[in-house]
Protein backbone atom coordinates (compact mmCIF):
# COMPACT_ATOMS: atom_id res chain seq x y z
CA MET A 1 -8.75 0.65 17.97
CA LYS A 2 -7.86 0.88 14.28
CA ILE A 3 -7.08 4.20 12.63
CA CYS A 4 -6.76 5.07 8.93
CA PRO A 5 -3.04 5.69 8.32
CA PHE A 6 -3.86 8.37 5.73
CA CYS A 7 -6.34 10.63 7.53
CA LYS A 8 -6.44 9.20 11.11
CA GLU A 9 -10.18 8.41 10.96
CA GLU A 10 -11.24 5.73 13.47
CA ILE A 11 -11.99 2.39 11.80
CA ASP A 12 -14.42 0.30 13.82
CA PHE A 13 -14.98 -2.50 11.30
CA GLY A 14 -13.00 -5.33 9.71
CA ILE A 15 -10.58 -4.61 6.90
CA TYR A 16 -10.91 -6.77 3.81
CA ARG A 17 -9.48 -6.56 0.28
CA ASN A 18 -11.86 -3.83 -0.94
CA THR A 19 -12.23 -1.87 2.30
CA VAL A 20 -11.87 1.89 1.92
CA CYS A 21 -11.73 4.58 4.56
CA PRO A 22 -15.16 6.22 4.94
CA LYS A 23 -13.54 9.65 5.36
CA CYS A 24 -10.71 9.87 2.79
CA GLY A 25 -11.78 7.05 0.46
CA LYS A 26 -8.34 5.44 0.23
CA ASN A 27 -7.96 1.66 0.09
CA LEU A 28 -6.92 0.22 3.44
CA HIS A 29 -5.90 -3.36 2.57
CA VAL A 30 -2.73 -2.30 0.74
CA CYS A 31 0.93 -2.89 1.55
CA LEU A 32 1.45 0.78 2.41
CA CYS A 33 -1.06 0.41 5.26
CA CYS A 34 0.44 -2.80 6.64
CA ARG A 35 2.62 -2.81 9.73
CA PHE A 36 5.03 -5.18 7.92
CA TYR A 37 5.60 -2.83 4.96
CA ASP A 38 9.21 -1.67 4.76
CA LYS A 39 10.49 -0.09 1.56
CA ASP A 40 14.03 -1.13 2.50
CA ALA A 41 13.20 -4.80 3.14
CA SER A 42 13.28 -7.60 0.61
CA TRP A 43 10.19 -7.21 -1.58
CA HIS A 44 9.19 -4.29 0.69
CA CYS A 45 7.95 -6.62 3.43
CA ARG A 46 9.39 -7.65 6.81
CA GLU A 47 7.41 -10.89 6.59
CA ASN A 48 8.53 -13.85 4.51
CA ILE A 49 6.31 -13.52 1.42
CA ASP A 50 6.30 -15.73 -1.68
CA GLU A 51 6.27 -13.07 -4.38
CA LEU A 52 6.75 -9.36 -4.99
CA VAL A 53 3.68 -7.15 -4.77
CA LYS A 54 4.20 -4.78 -7.69
CA TYR A 55 1.78 -2.04 -6.64
CA VAL A 56 2.01 -1.44 -2.89
CA ASP A 57 -0.83 1.09 -3.05
CA GLU A 58 -3.42 -1.27 -4.56
CA PRO A 59 -5.65 -3.79 -2.73
CA ASN A 60 -4.23 -7.29 -2.34
CA PHE A 61 -5.08 -10.67 -0.83
CA CYS A 62 -2.17 -10.92 1.65
CA ASP A 63 -3.22 -12.94 4.69
CA ARG A 64 -0.43 -11.45 6.83
CA PHE A 65 -1.89 -7.94 6.57
CA GLU A 66 -2.12 -5.97 9.83
CA LEU A 67 -3.12 -2.31 9.78
CA THR A 68 -0.27 -0.03 10.77
CA ASN A 69 -0.57 2.74 13.33
CA LYS A 70 1.89 4.98 11.45
CA LYS A 71 0.98 8.00 9.31
CA ILE A 72 1.22 7.21 5.59
CA ILE A 73 2.30 9.58 2.86
CA PHE A 74 0.44 8.30 -0.19
CA GLU A 75 2.59 7.44 -3.17
CA ASP A 76 0.76 6.28 -6.29
CA SER A 77 2.96 3.62 -7.91
CA ARG A 78 1.10 3.91 -11.22
CA GLU A 79 2.09 7.60 -11.44
CA LYS A 80 5.72 6.67 -10.77
CA ASN A 81 5.60 4.08 -13.53
CA LYS A 82 4.11 6.59 -16.00
CA GLY A 83 7.22 8.73 -15.67
CA ARG A 84 9.48 5.72 -16.08
CA LYS A 85 7.60 4.61 -19.21
CA ALA A 86 7.91 8.10 -20.70
CA PHE A 87 11.66 8.08 -20.01
CA ASP A 88 12.04 4.61 -21.52
CA SER A 89 10.13 5.65 -24.65
CA LEU A 90 12.59 8.52 -25.17
CA PHE A 91 15.78 6.54 -24.65
CA GLY A 92 14.70 2.94 -25.20
CA GLU A 93 14.64 0.19 -22.62
């Protein structure tokens, strides 16, 4: 049985690139929801991947994706980057 890592809703259908949880509306085919995601691993993945996925909270086409059974604390990478861009604009890159 698959479970949404954000809200723990049961998922009884396949997960594809644009699949969202029917309860919380969050995208499910994202690195954060994958059992191979590891923020401390090379390129944040325990699998051998060919390139960095810049936004781990956005849908992707990874064919190694497997839904995790761990609870996820959502972290919007675009919001993180907004703060970094504001800092860089103050002090230059």
